[in-house]
Protein backbone atom coordinates (compact mmCIF):
# COMPACT_ATOMS: atom_id res chain seq x y z
CA UNK A 1 107.28 87.39 107.01
CA UNK A 2 105.34 86.18 104.22
CA UNK A 3 107.35 85.49 101.01
CA UNK A 4 108.02 88.35 98.60
CA UNK A 5 107.51 91.12 101.55
CA UNK A 6 110.35 93.02 102.99
CA UNK A 7 110.80 92.99 106.79
CA UNK A 8 110.75 96.94 107.09
CA UNK A 9 109.15 99.96 105.54
CA UNK A 10 110.30 103.13 104.60
CA UNK A 11 108.26 105.91 105.89
CA UNK A 12 108.32 109.86 106.18
CA UNK A 13 107.58 110.56 109.90
CA UNK A 14 106.18 114.15 110.57
CA UNK A 15 107.92 115.03 114.13
CA UNK A 16 109.23 118.50 114.48
CA UNK A 17 107.12 121.05 112.75
CA UNK A 18 107.71 121.67 109.03
CA UNK A 19 109.92 118.49 108.68
CA UNK A 20 109.85 114.90 108.29
CA UNK A 21 112.35 112.02 108.77
CA UNK A 22 112.58 108.84 106.91
CA UNK A 23 112.35 105.86 109.10
CA UNK A 24 112.40 102.29 108.33
CA UNK A 25 109.73 100.83 110.57
CA UNK A 26 108.74 96.79 110.92
CA UNK A 27 106.38 95.53 108.48
CA UNK A 28 103.69 93.67 110.44
CA UNK A 29 102.45 89.99 109.72
CA UNK A 30 98.92 90.64 108.92
CA UNK A 31 96.14 88.20 111.12
CA UNK A 32 92.85 86.89 109.62
CA UNK A 33 91.09 90.38 109.64
CA UNK A 34 93.75 92.49 108.53
CA UNK A 35 96.22 93.42 105.45
CA UNK A 36 98.96 95.33 104.15
CA UNK A 37 98.78 97.48 101.25
CA UNK A 38 101.80 98.35 98.72
CA UNK A 39 101.47 102.32 98.45
CA UNK A 40 101.40 103.58 94.92
CA UNK A 41 100.27 107.05 95.42
CA UNK A 42 98.69 109.08 98.30
CA UNK A 43 97.30 112.53 97.40
CA UNK A 44 98.59 115.39 99.39
CA UNK A 45 95.86 117.41 101.10
CA UNK A 46 95.56 120.68 102.94
CA UNK A 47 94.95 118.92 106.05
CA UNK A 48 98.33 117.27 105.92
CA UNK A 49 99.85 120.72 105.49
CA UNK A 50 98.27 121.96 108.45
CA UNK A 51 99.63 118.84 110.55
CA UNK A 52 102.86 119.36 108.97
CA UNK A 53 103.13 122.93 110.19
CA UNK A 54 102.22 122.29 113.58
CA UNK A 55 104.50 119.12 114.00
CA UNK A 56 101.98 116.25 114.82
CA UNK A 57 104.80 114.27 116.86
CA UNK A 58 105.45 111.24 115.19
CA UNK A 59 102.93 110.65 112.68
CA UNK A 60 102.91 109.49 109.15
CA UNK A 61 100.84 111.85 107.30
CA UNK A 62 98.67 111.02 104.00
CA UNK A 63 95.10 109.90 104.08
CA UNK A 64 94.18 109.84 100.31
CA UNK A 65 95.86 106.31 99.52
CA UNK A 66 95.56 103.98 96.40
CA UNK A 67 98.12 100.87 96.11
CA UNK A 68 97.95 97.03 95.79
CA UNK A 69 97.06 94.73 98.30
CA UNK A 70 100.33 92.76 99.07
CA UNK A 71 99.38 90.68 101.99
CA UNK A 72 95.76 89.67 103.13
CA UNK A 73 93.95 87.83 105.99
CA UNK A 74 91.11 85.28 104.92
CA UNK A 75 88.45 87.23 106.78
CA UNK A 76 89.89 90.60 105.47
CA UNK A 77 89.55 89.21 101.80
CA UNK A 78 85.96 87.97 102.23
CA UNK A 79 84.89 91.41 104.19
CA UNK A 80 86.39 93.81 101.64
CA UNK A 81 85.78 91.81 98.36
CA UNK A 82 89.42 91.99 97.26
CA UNK A 83 92.52 90.05 96.80
CA UNK A 84 96.21 90.02 97.04
CA UNK A 85 97.36 91.80 93.99
CA UNK A 86 94.14 94.17 93.70
CA UNK A 87 94.34 98.07 93.41
CA UNK A 88 92.25 99.49 96.00
CA UNK A 89 91.60 103.20 97.38
CA UNK A 90 91.68 103.47 101.48
CA UNK A 91 89.53 105.99 103.14
CA UNK A 92 91.04 107.84 106.15
CA UNK A 93 88.59 106.54 108.51
CA UNK A 94 88.61 103.60 111.06
CA UNK A 95 84.98 103.68 112.19
CA UNK A 96 83.79 101.46 114.97
CA UNK A 97 80.62 100.51 112.84
CA UNK A 98 78.69 100.44 116.16
CA UNK A 99 77.82 103.90 117.22
CA UNK A 100 74.74 105.75 115.82
CA UNK A 101 76.70 107.80 113.26
CA UNK A 102 78.58 104.61 111.79
CA UNK A 103 74.73 102.85 111.95
CA UNK A 104 73.40 105.59 109.68
CA UNK A 105 76.50 105.36 107.22
CA UNK A 106 77.95 108.81 108.59
CA UNK A 107 81.13 107.10 109.67
CA UNK A 108 83.28 110.11 109.36
CA UNK A 109 81.26 111.41 112.48
CA UNK A 110 82.34 108.66 114.60
CA UNK A 111 83.32 109.39 118.18
CA UNK A 112 83.45 106.17 119.84
CA UNK A 113 87.06 106.11 120.44
CA UNK A 114 86.08 107.19 124.27
CA UNK A 115 83.48 108.98 126.28
CA UNK A 116 81.26 111.47 124.86
CA UNK A 117 82.93 114.32 123.59
CA UNK A 118 86.11 112.30 123.20
CA UNK A 119 88.45 113.09 119.87
CA UNK A 120 87.93 111.16 116.43
CA UNK A 121 89.22 107.66 116.87
CA UNK A 122 92.66 106.76 115.07
CA UNK A 123 92.52 106.97 111.50
CA UNK A 124 94.84 107.14 108.61
CA UNK A 125 97.29 110.27 108.57
CA UNK A 126 96.74 110.90 112.05
CA UNK A 127 97.48 108.16 114.28
CA UNK A 128 101.29 107.94 115.81
CA UNK A 129 103.71 105.41 114.83
CA UNK A 130 104.00 104.45 118.61
CA UNK A 131 100.67 102.73 117.81
CA UNK A 132 101.36 99.32 116.63
CA UNK A 133 101.84 98.25 114.17
CA UNK A 134 102.80 102.09 113.24
CA UNK A 135 101.99 102.13 109.48
CA UNK A 136 98.81 104.36 109.36
CA UNK A 137 99.85 106.94 106.85
CA UNK A 138 99.91 106.98 103.09
CA UNK A 139 103.46 108.86 102.99
CA UNK A 140 105.09 105.31 103.39
CA UNK A 141 106.29 102.29 101.32
CA UNK A 142 103.29 100.31 103.08
CA UNK A 143 99.97 101.06 104.46
CA UNK A 144 98.74 98.79 107.33
CA UNK A 145 94.99 97.73 106.62
CA UNK A 146 93.37 97.90 109.79
CA UNK A 147 90.27 95.49 110.45
CA UNK A 148 88.03 98.35 110.56
CA UNK A 149 89.62 100.04 107.19
CA UNK A 150 87.11 101.18 104.51
CA UNK A 151 88.51 99.69 101.20
CA UNK A 152 87.35 100.26 97.67
CA UNK A 153 88.28 98.34 94.44
CA UNK A 154 89.58 100.41 91.88
CA UNK A 155 90.80 98.05 89.05
CA UNK A 156 93.61 98.02 86.66
CA UNK A 157 92.66 100.20 84.07
CA UNK A 158 92.81 103.41 86.27
CA UNK A 159 96.16 105.09 87.07
CA UNK A 160 96.83 105.04 90.59
CA UNK A 161 97.55 108.81 90.62
CA UNK A 162 94.45 109.67 89.04
CA UNK A 163 92.64 107.39 91.47
CA UNK A 164 93.92 109.17 94.36
CA UNK A 165 91.14 112.13 93.31
CA UNK A 166 88.66 109.99 94.74
CA UNK A 167 88.89 112.11 97.90
CA UNK A 168 88.36 115.90 96.59
CA UNK A 169 85.63 114.40 93.95
CA UNK A 170 83.81 112.17 96.45
CA UNK A 171 83.49 115.46 98.57
CA UNK A 172 82.02 117.41 95.52
CA UNK A 173 79.63 114.50 94.77
CA UNK A 174 78.51 114.27 98.36
CA UNK A 175 77.98 118.27 98.89
CA UNK A 176 76.51 118.99 95.34
CA UNK A 177 74.08 116.10 94.92
CA UNK A 178 73.24 114.72 98.16
CA UNK A 179 73.47 117.49 100.81
CA UNK A 180 72.31 120.46 98.43
CA UNK A 181 70.10 118.29 96.50
CA UNK A 182 70.95 119.31 92.87
CA UNK A 183 68.16 118.83 90.42
CA UNK A 184 68.68 118.41 86.65
CA UNK A 185 68.94 122.33 85.27
CA UNK A 186 69.91 123.68 88.54
CA UNK A 187 72.57 126.56 88.48
CA UNK A 188 75.49 125.90 90.62
CA UNK A 189 78.26 128.55 91.79
CA UNK A 190 81.46 126.97 93.15
CA UNK A 191 83.46 129.78 94.74
CA UNK A 192 87.00 128.50 95.36
CA UNK A 193 88.85 126.22 92.66
CA UNK A 194 91.08 123.90 94.49
CA UNK A 195 90.89 120.32 94.51
CA UNK A 196 87.37 120.38 96.18
CA UNK A 197 86.18 123.13 94.36
CA UNK A 198 86.89 121.28 91.05
CA UNK A 199 85.26 118.13 92.58
CA UNK A 200 82.17 120.18 93.18
CA UNK A 201 82.15 121.41 89.58
CA UNK A 202 82.87 118.11 88.18
CA UNK A 203 80.17 116.71 90.44
CA UNK A 204 77.52 119.39 89.52
CA UNK A 205 78.08 118.98 85.77
CA UNK A 206 77.93 115.26 85.89
CA UNK A 207 74.67 115.43 87.77
CA UNK A 208 72.84 117.55 85.36
CA UNK A 209 73.51 121.00 86.43
CA UNK A 210 72.09 123.64 83.80
CA UNK A 211 74.90 126.19 84.49
CA UNK A 212 77.93 125.87 86.38
CA UNK A 213 79.86 128.96 87.52
CA UNK A 214 83.30 128.77 88.91
CA UNK A 215 84.33 131.64 91.26
CA UNK A 216 88.11 132.68 92.14
CA UNK A 217 90.99 135.48 92.08
CA UNK A 218 92.71 135.98 88.96
CA UNK A 219 95.71 134.57 90.49
CA UNK A 220 94.05 131.33 90.14
CA UNK A 221 93.42 131.41 86.20
CA UNK A 222 95.01 128.13 85.75
CA UNK A 223 92.22 126.46 88.00
CA UNK A 224 89.55 128.53 86.57
CA UNK A 225 90.67 127.50 82.97
CA UNK A 226 90.64 123.83 84.30
CA UNK A 227 87.20 124.49 85.75
CA UNK A 228 85.83 124.96 82.20
CA UNK A 229 87.08 121.71 81.04
CA UNK A 230 85.48 119.81 84.11
CA UNK A 231 82.00 121.24 83.19
CA UNK A 232 81.97 125.03 84.20
CA UNK A 233 80.24 127.47 81.30
CA UNK A 234 81.22 130.52 83.02
CA UNK A 235 84.10 131.83 85.29
CA UNK A 236 84.18 134.92 87.47
CA UNK A 237 87.22 136.64 88.57
CA UNK A 238 86.16 137.94 92.09
CA UNK A 239 89.11 140.32 92.17
CA UNK A 240 88.22 141.87 88.92
CA UNK A 241 84.79 142.23 89.37
CA UNK A 242 82.11 142.11 91.92
CA UNK A 243 81.15 138.32 92.18
CA UNK A 244 77.83 138.66 93.38
CA UNK A 245 77.26 140.99 90.59
CA UNK A 246 78.77 138.93 88.14
CA UNK A 247 76.42 135.90 89.42
CA UNK A 248 73.23 137.90 89.13
CA UNK A 249 73.86 139.33 85.71
CA UNK A 250 74.70 135.58 84.55
CA UNK A 251 71.32 134.52 85.74
CA UNK A 252 68.98 137.45 84.83
CA UNK A 253 69.11 138.58 88.65
CA UNK A 254 67.48 135.43 90.13
CA UNK A 255 70.76 134.11 91.62
CA UNK A 256 72.32 130.51 91.68
CA UNK A 257 70.16 127.30 92.96
CA UNK A 258 73.17 125.99 95.00
CA UNK A 259 76.10 128.22 95.89
CA UNK A 260 79.09 126.36 97.48
CA UNK A 261 81.39 128.38 99.84
CA UNK A 262 85.14 126.83 99.53
CA UNK A 263 87.52 129.80 99.71
CA UNK A 264 87.50 133.25 101.76
CA UNK A 265 89.49 134.61 99.05
CA UNK A 266 86.78 133.90 96.61
CA UNK A 267 83.58 135.75 98.46
CA UNK A 268 82.65 135.96 102.04
CA UNK A 269 79.44 133.75 103.37
CA UNK A 270 77.35 137.06 102.91
CA UNK A 271 78.32 137.06 99.25
CA UNK A 272 77.32 133.49 98.94
CA UNK A 273 73.94 134.13 100.27
CA UNK A 274 73.65 137.57 98.35
CA UNK A 275 73.98 135.46 94.88
CA UNK A 276 71.53 132.77 95.92
CA UNK A 277 68.07 132.36 94.29
CA UNK A 278 65.06 132.06 96.73
CA UNK A 279 64.70 128.64 98.50
CA UNK A 280 68.43 127.94 97.32
CA UNK A 281 71.33 125.88 99.09
CA UNK A 282 74.33 127.60 100.47
CA UNK A 283 76.90 124.83 101.30
CA UNK A 284 79.41 126.10 103.64
CA UNK A 285 82.83 124.20 103.35
CA UNK A 286 85.47 126.72 103.37
CA UNK A 287 87.91 126.17 106.27
CA UNK A 288 87.29 129.39 108.05
CA UNK A 289 88.52 127.77 111.41
CA UNK A 290 88.22 130.23 114.20
CA UNK A 291 86.48 133.05 111.83
CA UNK A 292 83.07 134.34 112.68
CA UNK A 293 80.87 135.00 109.75
CA UNK A 294 80.91 138.84 110.19
CA UNK A 295 77.76 140.51 108.88
CA UNK A 296 75.92 137.35 108.40
CA UNK A 297 72.76 138.41 106.57
CA UNK A 298 70.46 136.63 108.54
CA UNK A 299 67.36 138.50 107.52
CA UNK A 300 67.93 137.36 103.86
CA UNK A 301 68.33 133.94 104.53
CA UNK A 302 65.06 133.94 106.40
CA UNK A 303 63.09 135.95 103.64
CA UNK A 304 64.62 133.86 100.98
CA UNK A 305 64.03 130.59 102.68
CA UNK A 306 67.61 129.25 102.16
CA UNK A 307 69.15 126.59 103.09
CA UNK A 308 72.45 126.30 104.91
CA UNK A 309 74.58 123.35 104.82
CA UNK A 310 77.65 122.44 106.77
CA UNK A 311 79.52 120.31 104.55
CA UNK A 312 82.50 117.71 105.56
CA UNK A 313 84.12 115.09 104.20
CA UNK A 314 82.84 112.14 101.82
CA UNK A 315 80.96 108.73 102.60
CA UNK A 316 80.80 105.31 101.17
CA UNK A 317 78.15 105.92 98.21
CA UNK A 318 79.97 109.01 97.04
CA UNK A 319 83.59 107.47 96.94
CA UNK A 320 82.21 104.83 94.78
CA UNK A 321 80.40 107.16 92.51
CA UNK A 322 83.93 109.06 92.48
CA UNK A 323 85.69 106.01 91.45
CA UNK A 324 83.00 105.28 88.95
CA UNK A 325 83.50 108.60 86.95
CA UNK A 326 87.45 108.38 87.07
CA UNK A 327 87.23 104.76 85.55
CA UNK A 328 84.85 106.31 83.24
CA UNK A 329 87.53 108.36 81.22
CA UNK A 330 84.89 111.12 80.39
CA UNK A 331 86.78 113.91 81.92
CA UNK A 332 90.49 114.86 81.60
CA UNK A 333 91.50 114.37 85.33
CA UNK A 334 94.88 113.93 83.87
CA UNK A 335 95.12 117.65 83.92
CA UNK A 336 94.81 117.99 87.63
CA UNK A 337 97.43 115.32 88.72
CA UNK A 338 100.33 117.89 88.09
CA UNK A 339 103.05 116.59 90.62
CA UNK A 340 104.41 113.17 92.01
CA UNK A 341 107.23 112.65 94.48
CA UNK A 342 108.89 109.47 95.98
CA UNK A 343 108.58 109.19 99.96
CA UNK A 344 112.08 110.31 100.16
CA UNK A 345 110.86 113.85 99.02
CA UNK A 346 107.85 114.08 101.14
CA UNK A 347 108.90 117.32 102.72
CA UNK A 348 109.16 118.85 99.14
CA UNK A 349 105.83 117.37 98.02
CA UNK A 350 104.09 118.97 100.93
CA UNK A 351 105.66 122.31 100.26
CA UNK A 352 104.99 122.15 96.69
CA UNK A 353 101.19 121.27 97.33
CA UNK A 354 100.99 124.44 99.48
CA UNK A 355 102.31 126.66 96.91
CA UNK A 356 105.67 127.32 98.90
CA UNK A 357 108.25 126.29 96.10
CA UNK A 358 107.13 129.00 93.56
CA UNK A 359 105.67 125.88 91.23
CA UNK A 360 101.91 125.65 90.44
CA UNK A 361 100.65 122.74 91.53
CA UNK A 362 97.12 121.47 91.83
CA UNK A 363 97.07 117.73 92.81
CA UNK A 364 100.45 116.47 94.39
CA UNK A 365 101.03 113.11 95.34
CA UNK A 366 103.32 110.84 97.08
CA UNK A 367 104.29 107.18 96.15
CA UNK A 368 106.13 104.92 94.07
């Protein structure tokens, strides 16, 4: 083992539903194409909570990780452009780099782990600890840097906890700026103000939207208030007034150029379509798994020539832009980073992020 590194690392391993167990796992010696990361902070995502409820059977959860490179192979250093001691952000993907989606830059869609229709390849936060060398999750003291890891330099000036916001912010950047094709002066409605919704609000404002409207229930008043600090000019409490009527009133009856549908509680797909302007874009990013879009307004979509955009995740360019925004200090992102827990309290971190402790939390992280 390299000098200065421990022989083992403590990790919170999710085994049975709704529980993790602290385990000390061997710390590997990196090869020429590999590395090790000393984890400083890993953001808790809704996907972590969903896996935690199921009991993934021996997985270190956590895939929004920022930390310091603690060991690095020569070829890995050249490939990633980093050195030992550098603070970096690590995406959740381990793309093959050879399949058609990877060659297009869409590595989040990589399916090269097996034959056609196979599940996604191993990635951070979902690979069992039995897969050597085992440290494939951010809720741990160390993270194994696989040769196919997607690594981004962060810099020393950014707080590690704030830097973990790269994930929700980069999703917002990709969805609003690139997929919905935002133009300067556009009106953007964001229905749902969790981490990704607030990322969309910030991304729209930063890209020059004329008006940004945040929509959510009154119970989420703190997030809606925070949306104003990140660029929303208006908020609509969807359980106190009709959200469609509210948006149409704010836009003089025209509707919004872009509507991002993120939360079922903030309106249906039909509502998102109804508040859209002619030739506008409706970004569908709500996790309505298994739910049909009841009463889908097909005729309205055709008549107004709307674009329906399915949105999932981020890509390399959007993460780079997110880190630029975080480094700039232009936005009060510290208001989002509400809670941080050590690895030994990973269960509490997950329950806090999911609103199961009676404490209001927005962005929760685990780490040092």
